[in-house]
Amino acid sequence: MKKILCILCMTTALLGVTACGIGDTNTTYDRYEIGKQGRASTGRIVSMIQVDIAGSSEGGTLVGGAVGGIAGAIGGGAIGSGRGSALMSLAGGTLGALAGGAIGGAAQQVATKDTAFEFMVQKANGEVIPVVQTNELGLKPGDNVVLVEIAGKTRIRSKY
């Protein structure tokens, strides 16, 4: 029983770790963007609304499934005896992987759900474009801004 309790504690701890991560913000760049040439243009924010950003279950499903599979296999092996031990390990591993994947994915999705803003920016040439990003810079309608485009991503910066 102690063995199973220990496995459950380790599983919970690992799932908790996978749910933590740095979110994608307007001041965070991906490693592949470093050194890439981009373009900059100027504009003015004409409006903004708050939007919900759906969470991602990618990392949590994988780690949760792996941890659940291992925990289920060990737990199943502890329950069975003789030939039944291997069968119970297989069944426990399979069920543990499915349950762990579902739980890990759901936890990751909740942990990565966020809010951002959809900014409508009128460029200097008159074109109005939407840009969705977080607002650590405290941007607001009427602000003159610089649009920075690098590697297919556009970010809004305060005009210098």
N, C-alpha and C. Protein backbone atom coordinates (compact mmCIF):
# COMPACT_ATOMS: atom_id res chain seq x y z
N MET A 1 0.82 -1.20 0.00
CA MET A 1 0.00 0.00 0.00
C MET A 1 0.87 1.26 0.00
N LYS A 2 1.99 1.21 0.76
CA LYS A 2 2.89 2.36 0.79
C LYS A 2 3.46 2.63 -0.60
N LYS A 3 3.75 1.56 -1.32
CA LYS A 3 4.32 1.68 -2.67
C LYS A 3 3.34 2.42 -3.59
N ILE A 4 2.08 2.05 -3.54
CA ILE A 4 1.06 2.68 -4.38
C ILE A 4 0.87 4.14 -3.99
N LEU A 5 0.85 4.43 -2.70
CA LEU A 5 0.71 5.80 -2.22
C LEU A 5 1.88 6.65 -2.68
N CYS A 6 3.08 6.10 -2.63
CA CYS A 6 4.28 6.81 -3.09
C CYS A 6 4.18 7.12 -4.58
N ILE A 7 3.72 6.15 -5.37
CA ILE A 7 3.57 6.34 -6.81
C ILE A 7 2.55 7.42 -7.10
N LEU A 8 1.44 7.43 -6.39
CA LEU A 8 0.42 8.45 -6.60
C LEU A 8 0.95 9.84 -6.26
N CYS A 9 1.73 9.95 -5.21
CA CYS A 9 2.33 11.24 -4.84
C CYS A 9 3.29 11.73 -5.91
N MET A 10 4.12 10.83 -6.44
CA MET A 10 5.06 11.20 -7.50
C MET A 10 4.31 11.62 -8.76
N THR A 11 3.26 10.90 -9.08
CA THR A 11 2.47 11.22 -10.26
C THR A 11 1.87 12.61 -10.14
N THR A 12 1.28 12.90 -8.99
CA THR A 12 0.68 14.22 -8.76
C THR A 12 1.73 15.31 -8.87
N ALA A 13 2.90 15.10 -8.31
CA ALA A 13 3.96 16.10 -8.36
C ALA A 13 4.42 16.34 -9.80
N LEU A 14 4.60 15.28 -10.57
CA LEU A 14 5.03 15.44 -11.95
C LEU A 14 3.99 16.13 -12.81
N LEU A 15 2.72 15.82 -12.60
CA LEU A 15 1.66 16.50 -13.34
C LEU A 15 1.62 17.98 -12.99
N GLY A 16 1.87 18.30 -11.75
CA GLY A 16 1.91 19.70 -11.34
C GLY A 16 3.03 20.45 -12.02
N VAL A 17 4.18 19.81 -12.17
CA VAL A 17 5.32 20.45 -12.82
C VAL A 17 5.03 20.69 -14.29
N THR A 18 4.36 19.75 -14.97
CA THR A 18 4.09 19.93 -16.39
C THR A 18 3.09 21.05 -16.65
N ALA A 19 2.29 21.38 -15.69
CA ALA A 19 1.29 22.43 -15.89
C ALA A 19 1.90 23.81 -15.79
N CYS A 20 3.11 23.93 -15.30
CA CYS A 20 3.76 25.22 -15.16
C CYS A 20 4.59 25.51 -16.39
N GLY A 21 4.57 26.74 -16.84
CA GLY A 21 5.39 27.12 -17.98
C GLY A 21 5.26 28.59 -18.26
N ILE A 22 6.20 29.09 -19.02
CA ILE A 22 6.17 30.51 -19.37
C ILE A 22 5.21 30.68 -20.52
N GLY A 23 4.27 31.58 -20.36
CA GLY A 23 3.31 31.84 -21.42
C GLY A 23 3.92 32.66 -22.54
N ASP A 24 3.29 32.64 -23.69
CA ASP A 24 3.73 33.42 -24.84
C ASP A 24 3.21 34.84 -24.66
N THR A 25 4.09 35.79 -24.47
CA THR A 25 3.68 37.17 -24.26
C THR A 25 4.23 38.04 -25.38
N ASN A 26 3.79 39.30 -25.40
CA ASN A 26 4.28 40.19 -26.45
C ASN A 26 5.72 40.64 -26.19
N THR A 27 6.28 40.27 -25.05
CA THR A 27 7.68 40.58 -24.77
C THR A 27 8.54 39.32 -24.71
N THR A 28 8.00 38.18 -25.18
CA THR A 28 8.73 36.92 -25.20
C THR A 28 8.96 36.51 -26.65
N TYR A 29 10.20 36.18 -26.97
CA TYR A 29 10.54 35.73 -28.32
C TYR A 29 10.90 34.25 -28.28
N ASP A 30 10.58 33.55 -29.36
CA ASP A 30 11.00 32.16 -29.51
C ASP A 30 12.47 32.13 -29.92
N ARG A 31 13.16 31.06 -29.55
CA ARG A 31 14.58 30.94 -29.85
C ARG A 31 14.87 31.08 -31.34
N TYR A 32 14.02 30.53 -32.21
CA TYR A 32 14.27 30.58 -33.65
C TYR A 32 14.14 32.00 -34.22
N GLU A 33 13.58 32.94 -33.47
CA GLU A 33 13.44 34.31 -33.96
C GLU A 33 14.71 35.13 -33.78
N ILE A 34 15.62 34.64 -32.94
CA ILE A 34 16.85 35.38 -32.69
C ILE A 34 17.67 35.44 -33.97
N GLY A 35 18.10 36.63 -34.32
CA GLY A 35 18.93 36.82 -35.50
C GLY A 35 18.16 36.92 -36.80
N LYS A 36 16.85 36.75 -36.75
CA LYS A 36 16.04 36.86 -37.97
C LYS A 36 15.80 38.34 -38.29
N GLN A 37 15.89 38.66 -39.57
CA GLN A 37 15.59 40.02 -39.98
C GLN A 37 14.08 40.18 -40.03
N GLY A 38 13.60 41.32 -39.60
CA GLY A 38 12.17 41.58 -39.61
C GLY A 38 11.86 42.91 -40.28
N ARG A 39 10.62 43.32 -40.12
CA ARG A 39 10.19 44.61 -40.66
C ARG A 39 9.51 45.39 -39.55
N ALA A 40 9.57 46.69 -39.65
CA ALA A 40 8.88 47.56 -38.69
C ALA A 40 8.09 48.60 -39.47
N SER A 41 6.90 48.91 -38.95
CA SER A 41 6.08 49.97 -39.51
C SER A 41 5.39 50.69 -38.36
N THR A 42 4.87 51.84 -38.64
CA THR A 42 4.23 52.62 -37.59
C THR A 42 2.72 52.62 -37.77
N GLY A 43 2.02 52.91 -36.68
CA GLY A 43 0.57 52.97 -36.73
C GLY A 43 0.01 53.54 -35.45
N ARG A 44 -1.31 53.45 -35.33
CA ARG A 44 -2.01 53.96 -34.15
C ARG A 44 -3.08 52.97 -33.77
N ILE A 45 -3.20 52.68 -32.48
CA ILE A 45 -4.22 51.77 -32.00
C ILE A 45 -5.57 52.49 -32.06
N VAL A 46 -6.53 51.89 -32.80
CA VAL A 46 -7.85 52.52 -32.91
C VAL A 46 -8.86 51.89 -31.96
N SER A 47 -8.65 50.62 -31.59
CA SER A 47 -9.53 49.99 -30.61
C SER A 47 -8.86 48.74 -30.07
N MET A 48 -9.40 48.23 -28.96
CA MET A 48 -8.90 46.99 -28.39
C MET A 48 -10.01 46.33 -27.58
N ILE A 49 -10.06 45.01 -27.61
CA ILE A 49 -11.00 44.27 -26.78
C ILE A 49 -10.26 43.09 -26.14
N GLN A 50 -10.71 42.69 -24.97
CA GLN A 50 -10.12 41.55 -24.29
C GLN A 50 -10.66 40.27 -24.93
N VAL A 51 -9.78 39.29 -25.15
CA VAL A 51 -10.17 38.01 -25.73
C VAL A 51 -9.63 36.87 -24.87
N ASP A 52 -10.29 35.72 -24.95
CA ASP A 52 -9.83 34.53 -24.24
C ASP A 52 -8.90 33.73 -25.14
N ILE A 53 -7.83 33.21 -24.56
CA ILE A 53 -6.90 32.35 -25.28
C ILE A 53 -7.10 30.93 -24.77
N ALA A 54 -7.43 30.01 -25.67
CA ALA A 54 -7.66 28.62 -25.29
C ALA A 54 -6.36 27.99 -24.81
N GLY A 55 -6.47 27.09 -23.85
CA GLY A 55 -5.30 26.40 -23.33
C GLY A 55 -4.82 25.31 -24.27
N SER A 56 -3.62 24.81 -24.02
CA SER A 56 -3.03 23.74 -24.80
C SER A 56 -2.83 22.53 -23.91
N SER A 57 -3.12 21.35 -24.44
CA SER A 57 -2.96 20.13 -23.64
C SER A 57 -1.73 19.32 -24.05
N GLU A 58 -0.91 19.86 -24.96
CA GLU A 58 0.18 19.10 -25.56
C GLU A 58 1.12 18.43 -24.55
N GLY A 59 1.82 19.19 -23.76
CA GLY A 59 2.82 18.62 -22.84
C GLY A 59 2.20 17.79 -21.74
N GLY A 60 1.07 18.21 -21.22
CA GLY A 60 0.44 17.50 -20.11
C GLY A 60 -0.05 16.12 -20.48
N THR A 61 -0.56 15.96 -21.69
CA THR A 61 -1.04 14.65 -22.14
C THR A 61 0.11 13.66 -22.24
N LEU A 62 1.22 14.08 -22.80
CA LEU A 62 2.36 13.21 -22.97
C LEU A 62 2.96 12.79 -21.63
N VAL A 63 3.26 13.77 -20.78
CA VAL A 63 3.86 13.46 -19.49
C VAL A 63 2.87 12.72 -18.60
N GLY A 64 1.62 13.15 -18.59
CA GLY A 64 0.61 12.47 -17.78
C GLY A 64 0.42 11.02 -18.19
N GLY A 65 0.43 10.77 -19.51
CA GLY A 65 0.30 9.40 -20.00
C GLY A 65 1.48 8.54 -19.60
N ALA A 66 2.68 9.10 -19.70
CA ALA A 66 3.88 8.34 -19.33
C ALA A 66 3.89 8.02 -17.84
N VAL A 67 3.63 9.04 -17.03
CA VAL A 67 3.63 8.83 -15.58
C VAL A 67 2.50 7.89 -15.17
N GLY A 68 1.32 8.08 -15.74
CA GLY A 68 0.19 7.20 -15.43
C GLY A 68 0.45 5.77 -15.85
N GLY A 69 1.09 5.58 -17.00
CA GLY A 69 1.42 4.23 -17.46
C GLY A 69 2.38 3.52 -16.53
N ILE A 70 3.41 4.23 -16.11
CA ILE A 70 4.39 3.64 -15.19
C ILE A 70 3.73 3.32 -13.85
N ALA A 71 2.99 4.30 -13.33
CA ALA A 71 2.32 4.09 -12.04
C ALA A 71 1.32 2.93 -12.13
N GLY A 72 0.56 2.87 -13.22
CA GLY A 72 -0.41 1.79 -13.40
C GLY A 72 0.25 0.43 -13.51
N ALA A 73 1.38 0.36 -14.23
CA ALA A 73 2.09 -0.91 -14.38
C ALA A 73 2.63 -1.39 -13.04
N ILE A 74 3.22 -0.49 -12.28
CA ILE A 74 3.75 -0.87 -10.97
C ILE A 74 2.62 -1.27 -10.03
N GLY A 75 1.56 -0.48 -10.04
CA GLY A 75 0.42 -0.78 -9.18
C GLY A 75 -0.25 -2.08 -9.57
N GLY A 76 -0.42 -2.31 -10.88
CA GLY A 76 -1.02 -3.56 -11.35
C GLY A 76 -0.17 -4.76 -11.01
N GLY A 77 1.15 -4.62 -11.14
CA GLY A 77 2.06 -5.70 -10.79
C GLY A 77 2.02 -6.03 -9.32
N ALA A 78 1.81 -5.01 -8.49
CA ALA A 78 1.74 -5.22 -7.04
C ALA A 78 0.46 -5.95 -6.65
N ILE A 79 -0.60 -5.77 -7.43
CA ILE A 79 -1.89 -6.39 -7.11
C ILE A 79 -1.90 -7.86 -7.53
N GLY A 80 -1.39 -8.15 -8.75
CA GLY A 80 -1.42 -9.53 -9.26
C GLY A 80 -0.34 -10.39 -8.63
N SER A 81 -0.44 -11.69 -8.87
CA SER A 81 0.59 -12.61 -8.38
C SER A 81 0.81 -13.69 -9.43
N GLY A 82 2.03 -14.20 -9.53
CA GLY A 82 2.35 -15.23 -10.51
C GLY A 82 2.17 -14.71 -11.92
N ARG A 83 1.51 -15.52 -12.78
CA ARG A 83 1.25 -15.11 -14.15
C ARG A 83 0.32 -13.89 -14.21
N GLY A 84 -0.54 -13.79 -13.25
CA GLY A 84 -1.48 -12.67 -13.19
C GLY A 84 -0.79 -11.34 -12.97
N SER A 85 0.42 -11.38 -12.40
CA SER A 85 1.17 -10.16 -12.15
C SER A 85 1.49 -9.43 -13.45
N ALA A 86 1.94 -10.19 -14.46
CA ALA A 86 2.28 -9.57 -15.76
C ALA A 86 1.04 -9.03 -16.43
N LEU A 87 -0.05 -9.78 -16.38
CA LEU A 87 -1.31 -9.33 -16.98
C LEU A 87 -1.83 -8.08 -16.28
N MET A 88 -1.77 -8.07 -14.96
CA MET A 88 -2.22 -6.91 -14.20
C MET A 88 -1.31 -5.70 -14.46
N SER A 89 -0.01 -5.93 -14.64
CA SER A 89 0.92 -4.84 -14.98
C SER A 89 0.55 -4.24 -16.32
N LEU A 90 0.27 -5.08 -17.29
CA LEU A 90 -0.11 -4.61 -18.62
C LEU A 90 -1.42 -3.84 -18.57
N ALA A 91 -2.41 -4.40 -17.90
CA ALA A 91 -3.71 -3.72 -17.78
C ALA A 91 -3.58 -2.42 -17.01
N GLY A 92 -2.84 -2.48 -15.91
CA GLY A 92 -2.66 -1.27 -15.10
C GLY A 92 -1.90 -0.20 -15.86
N GLY A 93 -0.88 -0.60 -16.61
CA GLY A 93 -0.11 0.35 -17.40
C GLY A 93 -0.96 1.01 -18.48
N THR A 94 -1.77 0.21 -19.15
CA THR A 94 -2.63 0.74 -20.21
C THR A 94 -3.67 1.71 -19.64
N LEU A 95 -4.36 1.26 -18.60
CA LEU A 95 -5.37 2.13 -17.98
C LEU A 95 -4.72 3.37 -17.35
N GLY A 96 -3.56 3.19 -16.73
CA GLY A 96 -2.86 4.32 -16.13
C GLY A 96 -2.44 5.34 -17.17
N ALA A 97 -1.96 4.86 -18.33
CA ALA A 97 -1.55 5.77 -19.40
C ALA A 97 -2.74 6.56 -19.93
N LEU A 98 -3.87 5.88 -20.13
CA LEU A 98 -5.07 6.57 -20.62
C LEU A 98 -5.56 7.60 -19.61
N ALA A 99 -5.66 7.18 -18.36
CA ALA A 99 -6.14 8.10 -17.32
C ALA A 99 -5.16 9.23 -17.10
N GLY A 100 -3.86 8.91 -17.02
CA GLY A 100 -2.84 9.94 -16.81
C GLY A 100 -2.80 10.94 -17.95
N GLY A 101 -2.93 10.45 -19.18
CA GLY A 101 -2.96 11.34 -20.34
C GLY A 101 -4.13 12.29 -20.30
N ALA A 102 -5.31 11.75 -19.96
CA ALA A 102 -6.51 12.60 -19.89
C ALA A 102 -6.39 13.63 -18.77
N ILE A 103 -5.93 13.18 -17.61
CA ILE A 103 -5.80 14.10 -16.47
C ILE A 103 -4.71 15.14 -16.74
N GLY A 104 -3.56 14.69 -17.25
CA GLY A 104 -2.45 15.61 -17.55
C GLY A 104 -2.83 16.62 -18.62
N GLY A 105 -3.53 16.17 -19.66
CA GLY A 105 -3.97 17.08 -20.72
C GLY A 105 -4.95 18.11 -20.21
N ALA A 106 -5.91 17.67 -19.39
CA ALA A 106 -6.90 18.60 -18.84
C ALA A 106 -6.23 19.61 -17.90
N ALA A 107 -5.29 19.13 -17.09
CA ALA A 107 -4.59 20.05 -16.17
C ALA A 107 -3.77 21.07 -16.96
N GLN A 108 -3.09 20.64 -18.01
CA GLN A 108 -2.29 21.55 -18.84
C GLN A 108 -3.18 22.56 -19.54
N GLN A 109 -4.35 22.12 -20.00
CA GLN A 109 -5.26 23.02 -20.70
C GLN A 109 -5.76 24.12 -19.77
N VAL A 110 -6.12 23.76 -18.55
CA VAL A 110 -6.58 24.76 -17.58
C VAL A 110 -5.44 25.71 -17.20
N ALA A 111 -4.24 25.15 -17.02
CA ALA A 111 -3.10 25.96 -16.59
C ALA A 111 -2.64 26.93 -17.67
N THR A 112 -2.84 26.60 -18.94
CA THR A 112 -2.35 27.47 -20.01
C THR A 112 -3.43 28.38 -20.60
N LYS A 113 -4.66 28.27 -20.12
CA LYS A 113 -5.72 29.18 -20.58
C LYS A 113 -5.38 30.58 -20.10
N ASP A 114 -5.64 31.58 -20.93
CA ASP A 114 -5.22 32.94 -20.58
C ASP A 114 -6.14 33.96 -21.24
N THR A 115 -5.87 35.21 -20.98
CA THR A 115 -6.56 36.29 -21.67
C THR A 115 -5.52 37.17 -22.36
N ALA A 116 -5.94 37.82 -23.42
CA ALA A 116 -5.07 38.73 -24.18
C ALA A 116 -5.97 39.83 -24.73
N PHE A 117 -5.44 40.60 -25.66
CA PHE A 117 -6.21 41.67 -26.27
C PHE A 117 -6.07 41.61 -27.79
N GLU A 118 -7.18 41.90 -28.46
CA GLU A 118 -7.14 42.07 -29.90
C GLU A 118 -7.07 43.57 -30.15
N PHE A 119 -5.94 44.00 -30.67
CA PHE A 119 -5.72 45.42 -30.98
C PHE A 119 -6.03 45.64 -32.46
N MET A 120 -6.81 46.64 -32.77
CA MET A 120 -7.00 47.06 -34.15
C MET A 120 -6.07 48.25 -34.35
N VAL A 121 -5.12 48.09 -35.27
CA VAL A 121 -4.08 49.10 -35.49
C VAL A 121 -4.21 49.64 -36.90
N GLN A 122 -4.30 50.97 -37.00
CA GLN A 122 -4.32 51.60 -38.31
C GLN A 122 -2.88 51.97 -38.65
N LYS A 123 -2.39 51.33 -39.71
CA LYS A 123 -1.01 51.58 -40.14
C LYS A 123 -0.92 52.95 -40.80
N ALA A 124 0.29 53.46 -40.94
CA ALA A 124 0.52 54.78 -41.53
C ALA A 124 -0.06 54.88 -42.95
N ASN A 125 -0.15 53.74 -43.66
CA ASN A 125 -0.70 53.75 -45.02
C ASN A 125 -2.23 53.69 -45.04
N GLY A 126 -2.88 53.68 -43.86
CA GLY A 126 -4.33 53.67 -43.77
C GLY A 126 -4.94 52.29 -43.54
N GLU A 127 -4.19 51.23 -43.81
CA GLU A 127 -4.68 49.86 -43.62
C GLU A 127 -4.90 49.59 -42.13
N VAL A 128 -6.02 48.92 -41.78
CA VAL A 128 -6.29 48.55 -40.39
C VAL A 128 -6.08 47.04 -40.26
N ILE A 129 -5.24 46.65 -39.28
CA ILE A 129 -4.94 45.24 -39.09
C ILE A 129 -5.20 44.85 -37.63
N PRO A 130 -5.62 43.60 -37.40
CA PRO A 130 -5.76 43.11 -36.02
C PRO A 130 -4.47 42.43 -35.56
N VAL A 131 -4.10 42.65 -34.32
CA VAL A 131 -2.97 41.96 -33.71
C VAL A 131 -3.42 41.50 -32.33
N VAL A 132 -3.31 40.19 -32.06
CA VAL A 132 -3.69 39.65 -30.76
C VAL A 132 -2.41 39.42 -29.96
N GLN A 133 -2.36 40.01 -28.77
CA GLN A 133 -1.20 39.84 -27.90
C GLN A 133 -1.58 40.21 -26.48
N THR A 134 -0.69 39.90 -25.54
CA THR A 134 -0.88 40.33 -24.16
C THR A 134 -0.53 41.81 -24.07
N ASN A 135 -0.76 42.41 -22.91
CA ASN A 135 -0.58 43.86 -22.83
C ASN A 135 0.29 44.28 -21.64
N GLU A 136 1.47 43.68 -21.52
CA GLU A 136 2.38 44.09 -20.45
C GLU A 136 2.83 45.53 -20.59
N LEU A 137 2.75 46.06 -21.79
CA LEU A 137 3.22 47.43 -22.03
C LEU A 137 2.16 48.48 -21.72
N GLY A 138 0.95 48.07 -21.37
CA GLY A 138 -0.11 49.02 -21.02
C GLY A 138 -0.59 49.85 -22.21
N LEU A 139 -0.61 49.27 -23.38
CA LEU A 139 -1.05 49.99 -24.58
C LEU A 139 -2.55 50.26 -24.51
N LYS A 140 -2.98 51.33 -25.19
CA LYS A 140 -4.40 51.71 -25.18
C LYS A 140 -4.76 52.41 -26.49
N PRO A 141 -6.06 52.48 -26.81
CA PRO A 141 -6.48 53.18 -28.03
C PRO A 141 -5.95 54.62 -28.04
N GLY A 142 -5.50 55.04 -29.23
CA GLY A 142 -4.93 56.37 -29.39
C GLY A 142 -3.41 56.38 -29.34
N ASP A 143 -2.80 55.31 -28.79
CA ASP A 143 -1.34 55.24 -28.71
C ASP A 143 -0.73 55.08 -30.10
N ASN A 144 0.32 55.85 -30.36
CA ASN A 144 1.12 55.65 -31.57
C ASN A 144 2.08 54.50 -31.27
N VAL A 145 2.17 53.55 -32.21
CA VAL A 145 2.93 52.34 -31.96
C VAL A 145 3.82 51.98 -33.15
N VAL A 146 4.72 51.04 -32.88
CA VAL A 146 5.53 50.42 -33.92
C VAL A 146 5.10 48.97 -34.02
N LEU A 147 4.84 48.52 -35.23
CA LEU A 147 4.51 47.12 -35.48
C LEU A 147 5.81 46.41 -35.87
N VAL A 148 6.18 45.39 -35.12
CA VAL A 148 7.40 44.64 -35.37
C VAL A 148 7.00 43.27 -35.91
N GLU A 149 7.45 42.96 -37.12
CA GLU A 149 7.14 41.67 -37.76
C GLU A 149 8.44 40.87 -37.90
N ILE A 150 8.50 39.72 -37.21
CA ILE A 150 9.66 38.84 -37.29
C ILE A 150 9.17 37.40 -37.39
N ALA A 151 9.67 36.67 -38.37
CA ALA A 151 9.38 35.25 -38.55
C ALA A 151 7.88 34.96 -38.54
N GLY A 152 7.11 35.80 -39.20
CA GLY A 152 5.68 35.56 -39.32
C GLY A 152 4.84 36.00 -38.13
N LYS A 153 5.46 36.57 -37.11
CA LYS A 153 4.72 37.07 -35.94
C LYS A 153 4.77 38.59 -35.93
N THR A 154 3.65 39.20 -35.59
CA THR A 154 3.60 40.65 -35.46
C THR A 154 3.35 41.01 -34.01
N ARG A 155 4.15 41.93 -33.50
CA ARG A 155 3.99 42.43 -32.13
C ARG A 155 3.86 43.94 -32.18
N ILE A 156 3.15 44.48 -31.21
CA ILE A 156 2.99 45.92 -31.11
C ILE A 156 3.91 46.43 -30.00
N ARG A 157 4.65 47.47 -30.29
CA ARG A 157 5.53 48.12 -29.32
C ARG A 157 5.17 49.59 -29.21
N SER A 158 5.48 50.19 -28.07
CA SER A 158 5.30 51.63 -27.91
C SER A 158 6.21 52.34 -28.91
N LYS A 159 5.72 53.43 -29.47
CA LYS A 159 6.54 54.18 -30.42
C LYS A 159 7.66 54.88 -29.66
N TYR A 160 8.87 54.79 -30.19
CA TYR A 160 10.04 55.38 -29.52
C TYR A 160 10.17 56.85 -29.80
